[in-house]
Amino acid sequence: MGNYGDPPVTFVRGSGTELFDDSGKRYLDFLCGLAVTSLGHSHPRVAAALATQAETLLHVSNLFDTEPHLEVAAR
């Protein structure tokens, strides 16, 4: 059961502020992934940081602390 109906397009990749659909058409991303990609799609520094973190510890419930969590909270 979808909240918004069938999506009108299928995105397959993003780069910076642009999204690309499965037919190669380019779109300017005005929604920023509903505020979760404000630094753009496929940003090299963000991708590197995510890869490093995924190699270390991918997910921990917010019921527990992690070192990155404590470092950010201390700022």
N, C-alpha and C. Protein backbone atom coordinates (compact mmCIF):
# COMPACT_ATOMS: atom_id res chain seq x y z
N MET A 1 0.85 -1.17 0.00
CA MET A 1 0.00 0.00 0.00
C MET A 1 0.90 1.24 0.00
N GLY A 2 0.90 1.95 -1.09
CA GLY A 2 1.72 3.15 -1.19
C GLY A 2 1.00 4.37 -0.65
N ASN A 3 1.78 5.28 -0.13
CA ASN A 3 1.22 6.53 0.39
C ASN A 3 0.96 7.55 -0.70
N TYR A 4 1.71 7.47 -1.80
CA TYR A 4 1.65 8.49 -2.83
C TYR A 4 1.22 7.97 -4.20
N GLY A 5 0.79 6.73 -4.29
CA GLY A 5 0.44 6.18 -5.59
C GLY A 5 1.68 5.68 -6.31
N ASP A 6 1.51 5.29 -7.56
CA ASP A 6 2.64 4.78 -8.33
C ASP A 6 3.57 5.91 -8.72
N PRO A 7 4.88 5.72 -8.56
CA PRO A 7 5.82 6.77 -8.95
C PRO A 7 5.82 6.96 -10.46
N PRO A 8 5.89 8.21 -10.93
CA PRO A 8 5.84 8.48 -12.36
C PRO A 8 7.15 8.21 -13.09
N VAL A 9 8.22 7.98 -12.34
CA VAL A 9 9.53 7.80 -12.95
C VAL A 9 10.35 6.88 -12.07
N THR A 10 11.31 6.18 -12.68
CA THR A 10 12.22 5.32 -11.92
C THR A 10 13.63 5.89 -12.05
N PHE A 11 14.18 6.38 -10.95
CA PHE A 11 15.54 6.93 -10.96
C PHE A 11 16.55 5.81 -10.76
N VAL A 12 17.65 5.89 -11.51
CA VAL A 12 18.67 4.85 -11.43
C VAL A 12 20.01 5.36 -10.91
N ARG A 13 20.22 6.68 -10.96
CA ARG A 13 21.46 7.22 -10.40
C ARG A 13 21.31 8.73 -10.22
N GLY A 14 22.24 9.28 -9.44
CA GLY A 14 22.27 10.71 -9.23
C GLY A 14 23.69 11.22 -9.24
N SER A 15 23.85 12.49 -9.57
CA SER A 15 25.16 13.13 -9.56
C SER A 15 24.97 14.60 -9.23
N GLY A 16 25.52 15.02 -8.10
CA GLY A 16 25.35 16.41 -7.69
C GLY A 16 23.88 16.74 -7.47
N THR A 17 23.38 17.72 -8.21
CA THR A 17 21.99 18.15 -8.08
C THR A 17 21.07 17.47 -9.09
N GLU A 18 21.61 16.51 -9.86
CA GLU A 18 20.82 15.89 -10.91
C GLU A 18 20.50 14.43 -10.63
N LEU A 19 19.34 14.00 -11.12
CA LEU A 19 18.90 12.61 -11.08
C LEU A 19 18.73 12.14 -12.52
N PHE A 20 18.90 10.83 -12.74
CA PHE A 20 18.74 10.25 -14.07
C PHE A 20 17.79 9.07 -13.99
N ASP A 21 16.85 9.01 -14.94
CA ASP A 21 15.89 7.91 -14.93
C ASP A 21 16.38 6.73 -15.76
N ASP A 22 15.57 5.69 -15.82
CA ASP A 22 15.97 4.47 -16.50
C ASP A 22 16.02 4.60 -18.02
N SER A 23 15.58 5.74 -18.56
CA SER A 23 15.72 5.97 -20.00
C SER A 23 16.81 6.99 -20.31
N GLY A 24 17.54 7.44 -19.27
CA GLY A 24 18.63 8.38 -19.46
C GLY A 24 18.25 9.84 -19.35
N LYS A 25 16.98 10.13 -19.12
CA LYS A 25 16.53 11.52 -18.99
C LYS A 25 17.07 12.11 -17.69
N ARG A 26 17.50 13.37 -17.78
CA ARG A 26 18.09 14.07 -16.63
C ARG A 26 17.05 14.99 -15.98
N TYR A 27 17.06 15.03 -14.64
CA TYR A 27 16.15 15.87 -13.86
C TYR A 27 16.95 16.67 -12.84
N LEU A 28 16.54 17.89 -12.59
CA LEU A 28 17.12 18.68 -11.50
C LEU A 28 16.38 18.30 -10.22
N ASP A 29 17.11 17.89 -9.20
CA ASP A 29 16.51 17.41 -7.96
C ASP A 29 16.17 18.59 -7.05
N PHE A 30 14.93 19.04 -7.11
CA PHE A 30 14.48 20.14 -6.26
C PHE A 30 14.07 19.67 -4.87
N LEU A 31 13.87 18.37 -4.69
CA LEU A 31 13.42 17.86 -3.39
C LEU A 31 14.55 17.43 -2.48
N CYS A 32 15.76 17.32 -2.99
CA CYS A 32 16.91 16.87 -2.19
C CYS A 32 16.60 15.59 -1.44
N GLY A 33 15.97 14.65 -2.10
CA GLY A 33 15.67 13.39 -1.44
C GLY A 33 14.90 13.60 -0.15
N LEU A 34 13.98 14.55 -0.16
CA LEU A 34 13.22 14.92 1.04
C LEU A 34 14.14 15.30 2.19
N ALA A 35 15.16 16.09 1.88
CA ALA A 35 16.07 16.71 2.84
C ALA A 35 17.20 15.81 3.33
N VAL A 36 17.39 14.64 2.73
CA VAL A 36 18.47 13.77 3.21
C VAL A 36 19.69 13.79 2.29
N THR A 37 19.62 14.50 1.18
CA THR A 37 20.77 14.59 0.29
C THR A 37 21.11 16.04 -0.01
N SER A 38 21.18 16.85 1.03
CA SER A 38 21.42 18.28 0.84
C SER A 38 22.81 18.58 0.29
N LEU A 39 23.72 17.63 0.34
CA LEU A 39 25.05 17.81 -0.24
C LEU A 39 25.13 17.27 -1.66
N GLY A 40 24.02 16.84 -2.20
CA GLY A 40 23.97 16.33 -3.56
C GLY A 40 24.14 14.83 -3.61
N HIS A 41 23.91 14.28 -4.78
CA HIS A 41 24.02 12.85 -5.00
C HIS A 41 25.45 12.50 -5.38
N SER A 42 25.93 11.39 -4.85
CA SER A 42 27.25 10.82 -5.21
C SER A 42 28.41 11.77 -4.90
N HIS A 43 28.29 12.57 -3.85
CA HIS A 43 29.39 13.46 -3.47
C HIS A 43 30.57 12.59 -3.02
N PRO A 44 31.75 12.78 -3.61
CA PRO A 44 32.89 11.89 -3.31
C PRO A 44 33.27 11.82 -1.83
N ARG A 45 33.26 12.94 -1.12
CA ARG A 45 33.64 12.92 0.29
C ARG A 45 32.58 12.22 1.15
N VAL A 46 31.31 12.42 0.81
CA VAL A 46 30.24 11.75 1.55
C VAL A 46 30.30 10.25 1.28
N ALA A 47 30.50 9.86 0.02
CA ALA A 47 30.59 8.43 -0.33
C ALA A 47 31.77 7.77 0.38
N ALA A 48 32.91 8.46 0.46
CA ALA A 48 34.09 7.91 1.14
C ALA A 48 33.82 7.75 2.63
N ALA A 49 33.19 8.74 3.24
CA ALA A 49 32.88 8.66 4.68
C ALA A 49 31.90 7.53 4.96
N LEU A 50 30.90 7.37 4.10
CA LEU A 50 29.94 6.28 4.27
C LEU A 50 30.60 4.91 4.12
N ALA A 51 31.50 4.79 3.14
CA ALA A 51 32.20 3.52 2.93
C ALA A 51 33.06 3.18 4.14
N THR A 52 33.78 4.16 4.66
CA THR A 52 34.63 3.94 5.84
C THR A 52 33.78 3.50 7.03
N GLN A 53 32.68 4.19 7.25
CA GLN A 53 31.81 3.84 8.38
C GLN A 53 31.20 2.45 8.18
N ALA A 54 30.78 2.13 6.96
CA ALA A 54 30.17 0.82 6.69
C ALA A 54 31.15 -0.31 6.92
N GLU A 55 32.44 -0.06 6.68
CA GLU A 55 33.46 -1.08 6.93
C GLU A 55 33.72 -1.27 8.42
N THR A 56 33.36 -0.27 9.22
CA THR A 56 33.61 -0.30 10.66
C THR A 56 32.40 -0.79 11.44
N LEU A 57 31.28 -0.12 11.24
CA LEU A 57 30.05 -0.41 11.98
C LEU A 57 28.91 0.20 11.18
N LEU A 58 28.04 -0.63 10.64
CA LEU A 58 27.02 -0.13 9.72
C LEU A 58 25.84 0.52 10.44
N HIS A 59 25.30 -0.15 11.45
CA HIS A 59 24.12 0.41 12.12
C HIS A 59 24.07 -0.06 13.57
N VAL A 60 23.71 0.86 14.44
CA VAL A 60 23.46 0.55 15.85
C VAL A 60 22.20 1.32 16.24
N SER A 61 21.32 0.69 16.96
CA SER A 61 20.10 1.33 17.42
C SER A 61 20.43 2.59 18.20
N ASN A 62 19.52 3.56 18.17
CA ASN A 62 19.72 4.78 18.94
C ASN A 62 19.59 4.55 20.44
N LEU A 63 19.37 3.31 20.85
CA LEU A 63 19.36 2.97 22.27
C LEU A 63 20.78 2.84 22.83
N PHE A 64 21.78 2.84 21.94
CA PHE A 64 23.18 2.67 22.34
C PHE A 64 24.02 3.79 21.76
N ASP A 65 25.17 4.05 22.37
CA ASP A 65 26.11 5.04 21.85
C ASP A 65 27.15 4.38 20.96
N THR A 66 27.69 5.19 20.04
CA THR A 66 28.84 4.80 19.23
C THR A 66 29.85 5.93 19.33
N GLU A 67 31.09 5.69 18.99
CA GLU A 67 32.10 6.75 19.05
C GLU A 67 31.74 7.93 18.14
N PRO A 68 31.35 7.71 16.87
CA PRO A 68 30.97 8.88 16.04
C PRO A 68 29.80 9.66 16.63
N HIS A 69 28.84 8.97 17.21
CA HIS A 69 27.69 9.63 17.84
C HIS A 69 28.15 10.54 18.97
N LEU A 70 29.03 10.04 19.82
CA LEU A 70 29.52 10.83 20.95
C LEU A 70 30.38 12.00 20.48
N GLU A 71 31.17 11.79 19.42
CA GLU A 71 32.01 12.88 18.88
C GLU A 71 31.15 14.02 18.34
N VAL A 72 30.12 13.69 17.59
CA VAL A 72 29.24 14.72 17.04
C VAL A 72 28.47 15.42 18.15
N ALA A 73 28.00 14.69 19.13
CA ALA A 73 27.25 15.28 20.24
C ALA A 73 28.10 16.24 21.06
N ALA A 74 29.40 16.00 21.11
CA ALA A 74 30.29 16.85 21.90
C ALA A 74 30.59 18.18 21.22
N ARG A 75 30.30 18.29 19.95
CA ARG A 75 30.61 19.54 19.21
C ARG A 75 29.70 20.67 19.57
